[in-house]
PDB file of N, CA and C in Angstrom:
ATOM      1  N   UNK A   1     -24.714   6.126  13.118  1.00  0.00           N
ATOM      2  CA  UNK A   1     -23.892   6.290  14.305  1.00  0.00           C
ATOM      3  C   UNK A   1     -23.928   5.029  15.170  1.00  0.00           C
ATOM      4  N   UNK A   2     -25.118   4.436  15.288  1.00  0.00           N
ATOM      5  CA  UNK A   2     -25.241   3.232  16.101  1.00  0.00           C
ATOM      6  C   UNK A   2     -24.471   2.071  15.490  1.00  0.00           C
ATOM      7  N   UNK A   3     -24.440   2.020  14.141  1.00  0.00           N
ATOM      8  CA  UNK A   3     -23.695   0.958  13.466  1.00  0.00           C
ATOM      9  C   UNK A   3     -22.201   1.097  13.735  1.00  0.00           C
ATOM     10  N   UNK A   4     -21.712   2.341  13.765  1.00  0.00           N
ATOM     11  CA  UNK A   4     -20.292   2.581  14.019  1.00  0.00           C
ATOM     12  C   UNK A   4     -19.914   2.154  15.435  1.00  0.00           C
ATOM     13  N   UNK A   5     -20.767   2.457  16.392  1.00  0.00           N
ATOM     14  CA  UNK A   5     -20.505   2.071  17.782  1.00  0.00           C
ATOM     15  C   UNK A   5     -20.546   0.554  17.912  1.00  0.00           C
ATOM     16  N   UNK A   6     -21.504  -0.075  17.245  1.00  0.00           N
ATOM     17  CA  UNK A   6     -21.607  -1.534  17.289  1.00  0.00           C
ATOM     18  C   UNK A   6     -20.371  -2.177  16.677  1.00  0.00           C
ATOM     19  N   UNK A   7     -19.914  -1.635  15.555  1.00  0.00           N
ATOM     20  CA  UNK A   7     -18.716  -2.159  14.890  1.00  0.00           C
ATOM     21  C   UNK A   7     -17.486  -1.982  15.771  1.00  0.00           C
ATOM     22  N   UNK A   8     -17.380  -0.838  16.445  1.00  0.00           N
ATOM     23  CA  UNK A   8     -16.260  -0.583  17.347  1.00  0.00           C
ATOM     24  C   UNK A   8     -16.254  -1.592  18.490  1.00  0.00           C
ATOM     25  N   UNK A   9     -17.407  -1.854  19.072  1.00  0.00           N
ATOM     26  CA  UNK A   9     -17.499  -2.817  20.165  1.00  0.00           C
ATOM     27  C   UNK A   9     -17.165  -4.232  19.698  1.00  0.00           C
ATOM     28  N   UNK A  10     -17.576  -4.576  18.483  1.00  0.00           N
ATOM     29  CA  UNK A  10     -17.230  -5.884  17.930  1.00  0.00           C
ATOM     30  C   UNK A  10     -15.723  -6.009  17.733  1.00  0.00           C
ATOM     31  N   UNK A  11     -15.092  -4.941  17.247  1.00  0.00           N
ATOM     32  CA  UNK A  11     -13.642  -4.971  17.047  1.00  0.00           C
ATOM     33  C   UNK A  11     -12.900  -5.090  18.370  1.00  0.00           C
ATOM     34  N   UNK A  12     -13.374  -4.416  19.386  1.00  0.00           N
ATOM     35  CA  UNK A  12     -12.750  -4.524  20.711  1.00  0.00           C
ATOM     36  C   UNK A  12     -12.930  -5.932  21.255  1.00  0.00           C
ATOM     37  N   UNK A  13     -14.101  -6.521  21.057  1.00  0.00           N
ATOM     38  CA  UNK A  13     -14.340  -7.890  21.509  1.00  0.00           C
ATOM     39  C   UNK A  13     -13.425  -8.873  20.790  1.00  0.00           C
ATOM     40  N   UNK A  14     -13.145  -8.622  19.523  1.00  0.00           N
ATOM     41  CA  UNK A  14     -12.266  -9.509  18.763  1.00  0.00           C
ATOM     42  C   UNK A  14     -10.828  -9.464  19.261  1.00  0.00           C
ATOM     43  N   UNK A  15     -10.437  -8.382  19.917  1.00  0.00           N
ATOM     44  CA  UNK A  15      -9.084  -8.285  20.453  1.00  0.00           C
ATOM     45  C   UNK A  15      -8.841  -9.309  21.555  1.00  0.00           C
ATOM     46  N   UNK A  16      -9.898  -9.780  22.168  1.00  0.00           N
ATOM     47  CA  UNK A  16      -9.752 -10.688  23.292  1.00  0.00           C
ATOM     48  C   UNK A  16      -9.772 -12.161  22.889  1.00  0.00           C
ATOM     49  N   UNK A  17      -9.688 -12.421  21.621  1.00  0.00           N
ATOM     50  CA  UNK A  17      -9.604 -13.809  21.172  1.00  0.00           C
ATOM     51  C   UNK A  17      -8.243 -14.375  21.550  1.00  0.00           C
ATOM     52  N   UNK A  18      -8.196 -15.663  21.756  1.00  0.00           N
ATOM     53  CA  UNK A  18      -6.991 -16.325  22.252  1.00  0.00           C
ATOM     54  C   UNK A  18      -5.803 -16.123  21.305  1.00  0.00           C
ATOM     55  N   UNK A  19      -6.026 -16.269  20.009  1.00  0.00           N
ATOM     56  CA  UNK A  19      -4.929 -16.110  19.052  1.00  0.00           C
ATOM     57  C   UNK A  19      -4.333 -14.709  19.118  1.00  0.00           C
ATOM     58  N   UNK A  20      -5.191 -13.719  19.266  1.00  0.00           N
ATOM     59  CA  UNK A  20      -4.722 -12.344  19.324  1.00  0.00           C
ATOM     60  C   UNK A  20      -3.907 -12.108  20.587  1.00  0.00           C
ATOM     61  N   UNK A  21      -4.401 -12.613  21.709  1.00  0.00           N
ATOM     62  CA  UNK A  21      -3.689 -12.434  22.974  1.00  0.00           C
ATOM     63  C   UNK A  21      -2.324 -13.115  22.914  1.00  0.00           C
ATOM     64  N   UNK A  22      -2.276 -14.323  22.390  1.00  0.00           N
ATOM     65  CA  UNK A  22      -1.004 -15.032  22.284  1.00  0.00           C
ATOM     66  C   UNK A  22      -0.035 -14.308  21.347  1.00  0.00           C
ATOM     67  N   UNK A  23      -0.546 -13.809  20.241  1.00  0.00           N
ATOM     68  CA  UNK A  23       0.315 -13.097  19.293  1.00  0.00           C
ATOM     69  C   UNK A  23       0.870 -11.820  19.909  1.00  0.00           C
ATOM     70  N   UNK A  24       0.025 -11.086  20.624  1.00  0.00           N
ATOM     71  CA  UNK A  24       0.504  -9.874  21.296  1.00  0.00           C
ATOM     72  C   UNK A  24       1.542 -10.202  22.358  1.00  0.00           C
ATOM     73  N   UNK A  25       1.346 -11.292  23.083  1.00  0.00           N
ATOM     74  CA  UNK A  25       2.326 -11.712  24.090  1.00  0.00           C
ATOM     75  C   UNK A  25       3.669 -12.052  23.452  1.00  0.00           C
ATOM     76  N   UNK A  26       3.627 -12.735  22.318  1.00  0.00           N
ATOM     77  CA  UNK A  26       4.868 -13.084  21.625  1.00  0.00           C
ATOM     78  C   UNK A  26       5.583 -11.820  21.149  1.00  0.00           C
ATOM     79  N   UNK A  27       4.852 -10.886  20.572  1.00  0.00           N
ATOM     80  CA  UNK A  27       5.453  -9.638  20.095  1.00  0.00           C
ATOM     81  C   UNK A  27       6.056  -8.857  21.255  1.00  0.00           C
ATOM     82  N   UNK A  28       5.309  -8.722  22.351  1.00  0.00           N
ATOM     83  CA  UNK A  28       5.797  -7.965  23.509  1.00  0.00           C
ATOM     84  C   UNK A  28       7.034  -8.638  24.108  1.00  0.00           C
ATOM     85  N   UNK A  29       6.988  -9.962  24.216  1.00  0.00           N
ATOM     86  CA  UNK A  29       8.129 -10.689  24.772  1.00  0.00           C
ATOM     87  C   UNK A  29       9.367 -10.529  23.907  1.00  0.00           C
ATOM     88  N   UNK A  30       9.219 -10.657  22.595  1.00  0.00           N
ATOM     89  CA  UNK A  30      10.384 -10.496  21.720  1.00  0.00           C
ATOM     90  C   UNK A  30      10.891  -9.066  21.721  1.00  0.00           C
ATOM     91  N   UNK A  31       9.991  -8.096  21.894  1.00  0.00           N
ATOM     92  CA  UNK A  31      10.438  -6.703  22.013  1.00  0.00           C
ATOM     93  C   UNK A  31      11.305  -6.527  23.253  1.00  0.00           C
ATOM     94  N   UNK A  32      10.832  -7.042  24.371  1.00  0.00           N
ATOM     95  CA  UNK A  32      11.595  -6.926  25.621  1.00  0.00           C
ATOM     96  C   UNK A  32      12.938  -7.635  25.504  1.00  0.00           C
ATOM     97  N   UNK A  33      12.927  -8.843  24.947  1.00  0.00           N
ATOM     98  CA  UNK A  33      14.178  -9.595  24.803  1.00  0.00           C
ATOM     99  C   UNK A  33      15.131  -8.914  23.824  1.00  0.00           C
ATOM    100  N   UNK A  34      14.602  -8.272  22.807  1.00  0.00           N
ATOM    101  CA  UNK A  34      15.459  -7.558  21.859  1.00  0.00           C
ATOM    102  C   UNK A  34      16.093  -6.343  22.520  1.00  0.00           C
ATOM    103  N   UNK A  35      15.324  -5.605  23.304  1.00  0.00           N
ATOM    104  CA  UNK A  35      15.885  -4.432  23.992  1.00  0.00           C
ATOM    105  C   UNK A  35      16.918  -4.833  25.036  1.00  0.00           C
ATOM    106  N   UNK A  36      16.817  -6.042  25.578  1.00  0.00           N
ATOM    107  CA  UNK A  36      17.796  -6.530  26.558  1.00  0.00           C
ATOM    108  C   UNK A  36      18.929  -7.310  25.902  1.00  0.00           C
ATOM    109  N   UNK A  37      19.011  -7.277  24.589  1.00  0.00           N
ATOM    110  CA  UNK A  37      20.055  -7.949  23.804  1.00  0.00           C
ATOM    111  C   UNK A  37      20.100  -9.454  24.028  1.00  0.00           C
ATOM    112  N   UNK A  38      18.962 -10.068  24.270  1.00  0.00           N
ATOM    113  CA  UNK A  38      18.876 -11.523  24.387  1.00  0.00           C
ATOM    114  C   UNK A  38      18.557 -12.110  23.015  1.00  0.00           C
ATOM    115  N   UNK A  39      17.718 -11.422  22.261  1.00  0.00           N
ATOM    116  CA  UNK A  39      17.328 -11.855  20.923  1.00  0.00           C
ATOM    117  C   UNK A  39      17.875 -10.834  19.929  1.00  0.00           C
ATOM    118  N   UNK A  40      18.399 -11.327  18.832  1.00  0.00           N
ATOM    119  CA  UNK A  40      18.943 -10.409  17.828  1.00  0.00           C
ATOM    120  C   UNK A  40      17.811  -9.677  17.104  1.00  0.00           C
ATOM    121  N   UNK A  41      18.153  -8.581  16.509  1.00  0.00           N
ATOM    122  CA  UNK A  41      17.169  -7.794  15.767  1.00  0.00           C
ATOM    123  C   UNK A  41      16.637  -8.579  14.581  1.00  0.00           C
ATOM    124  N   UNK A  42      17.502  -9.371  13.958  1.00  0.00           N
ATOM    125  CA  UNK A  42      17.076 -10.186  12.817  1.00  0.00           C
ATOM    126  C   UNK A  42      16.027 -11.213  13.247  1.00  0.00           C
ATOM    127  N   UNK A  43      16.226 -11.833  14.406  1.00  0.00           N
ATOM    128  CA  UNK A  43      15.256 -12.811  14.904  1.00  0.00           C
ATOM    129  C   UNK A  43      13.942 -12.126  15.244  1.00  0.00           C
ATOM    130  N   UNK A  44      14.014 -10.936  15.838  1.00  0.00           N
ATOM    131  CA  UNK A  44      12.800 -10.191  16.153  1.00  0.00           C
ATOM    132  C   UNK A  44      12.030  -9.865  14.877  1.00  0.00           C
ATOM    133  N   UNK A  45      12.727  -9.408  13.856  1.00  0.00           N
ATOM    134  CA  UNK A  45      12.063  -9.062  12.600  1.00  0.00           C
ATOM    135  C   UNK A  45      11.420 -10.288  11.965  1.00  0.00           C
ATOM    136  N   UNK A  46      12.057 -11.431  12.063  1.00  0.00           N
ATOM    137  CA  UNK A  46      11.479 -12.651  11.495  1.00  0.00           C
ATOM    138  C   UNK A  46      10.196 -13.037  12.235  1.00  0.00           C
ATOM    139  N   UNK A  47      10.232 -12.981  13.558  1.00  0.00           N
ATOM    140  CA  UNK A  47       9.059 -13.337  14.361  1.00  0.00           C
ATOM    141  C   UNK A  47       7.932 -12.339  14.134  1.00  0.00           C
ATOM    142  N   UNK A  48       8.248 -11.055  14.230  1.00  0.00           N
ATOM    143  CA  UNK A  48       7.226 -10.013  14.079  1.00  0.00           C
ATOM    144  C   UNK A  48       6.613 -10.038  12.686  1.00  0.00           C
ATOM    145  N   UNK A  49       7.439 -10.192  11.659  1.00  0.00           N
ATOM    146  CA  UNK A  49       6.893 -10.195  10.295  1.00  0.00           C
ATOM    147  C   UNK A  49       6.036 -11.435  10.041  1.00  0.00           C
ATOM    148  N   UNK A  50       6.384 -12.559  10.644  1.00  0.00           N
ATOM    149  CA  UNK A  50       5.564 -13.763  10.477  1.00  0.00           C
ATOM    150  C   UNK A  50       4.184 -13.564  11.101  1.00  0.00           C
ATOM    151  N   UNK A  51       4.140 -12.980  12.277  1.00  0.00           N
ATOM    152  CA  UNK A  51       2.853 -12.756  12.944  1.00  0.00           C
ATOM    153  C   UNK A  51       2.034 -11.709  12.200  1.00  0.00           C
ATOM    154  N   UNK A  52       2.660 -10.635  11.786  1.00  0.00           N
ATOM    155  CA  UNK A  52       1.940  -9.582  11.063  1.00  0.00           C
ATOM    156  C   UNK A  52       1.440 -10.105   9.720  1.00  0.00           C
ATOM    157  N   UNK A  53       2.258 -10.882   9.028  1.00  0.00           N
ATOM    158  CA  UNK A  53       1.834 -11.466   7.751  1.00  0.00           C
ATOM    159  C   UNK A  53       0.628 -12.373   7.946  1.00  0.00           C
ATOM    160  N   UNK A  54       0.623 -13.146   9.021  1.00  0.00           N
ATOM    161  CA  UNK A  54      -0.506 -14.022   9.302  1.00  0.00           C
ATOM    162  C   UNK A  54      -1.793 -13.216   9.433  1.00  0.00           C
ATOM    163  N   UNK A  55      -1.731 -12.127  10.175  1.00  0.00           N
ATOM    164  CA  UNK A  55      -2.952 -11.357  10.405  1.00  0.00           C
ATOM    165  C   UNK A  55      -3.437 -10.622   9.164  1.00  0.00           C
ATOM    166  N   UNK A  56      -2.529 -10.154   8.317  1.00  0.00           N
ATOM    167  CA  UNK A  56      -2.955  -9.412   7.147  1.00  0.00           C
ATOM    168  C   UNK A  56      -3.289 -10.290   5.951  1.00  0.00           C
ATOM    169  N   UNK A  57      -2.968 -11.571   6.009  1.00  0.00           N
ATOM    170  CA  UNK A  57      -3.269 -12.435   4.869  1.00  0.00           C
ATOM    171  C   UNK A  57      -4.333 -13.479   5.172  1.00  0.00           C
ATOM    172  N   UNK A  58      -4.778 -13.578   6.405  1.00  0.00           N
ATOM    173  CA  UNK A  58      -5.790 -14.587   6.716  1.00  0.00           C
ATOM    174  C   UNK A  58      -7.148 -14.149   6.175  1.00  0.00           C
ATOM    175  N   UNK A  59      -7.963 -15.116   5.809  1.00  0.00           N
ATOM    176  CA  UNK A  59      -9.302 -14.835   5.287  1.00  0.00           C
ATOM    177  C   UNK A  59     -10.288 -14.863   6.431  1.00  0.00           C
ATOM    178  N   UNK A  60     -11.094 -13.829   6.523  1.00  0.00           N
ATOM    179  CA  UNK A  60     -12.104 -13.756   7.562  1.00  0.00           C
ATOM    180  C   UNK A  60     -13.375 -14.417   7.047  1.00  0.00           C
ATOM    181  N   UNK A  61     -13.943 -15.316   7.832  1.00  0.00           N
ATOM    182  CA  UNK A  61     -15.217 -15.931   7.483  1.00  0.00           C
ATOM    183  C   UNK A  61     -16.321 -15.148   8.181  1.00  0.00           C
ATOM    184  N   UNK A  62     -17.307 -14.790   7.443  1.00  0.00           N
ATOM    185  CA  UNK A  62     -18.418 -14.045   8.038  1.00  0.00           C
ATOM    186  C   UNK A  62     -19.383 -15.013   8.684  1.00  0.00           C
ATOM    187  N   UNK A  63     -19.734 -14.698   9.935  1.00  0.00           N
ATOM    188  CA  UNK A  63     -20.693 -15.530  10.654  1.00  0.00           C
ATOM    189  C   UNK A  63     -22.087 -14.997  10.397  1.00  0.00           C
ATOM    190  N   UNK A  64     -22.997 -15.916  10.142  1.00  0.00           N
ATOM    191  CA  UNK A  64     -24.379 -15.505   9.875  1.00  0.00           C
ATOM    192  C   UNK A  64     -25.282 -16.118  10.887  1.00  0.00           C
TER     193      UNK A  64
END
């Protein structure tokens, strides 16, 4: 149980990394601009898929 809580806290701490914050800002901004018809849906999908692909394909290095 303690390991699960520790892992949860580590994951929450990782959310505050600069890359994550910037990526979330870009996604939120493009969502708002898409809903206001400033950015096309195709452009939003290209931006969102690029960011999501980056996060799911990057290799995590374990710190020791």
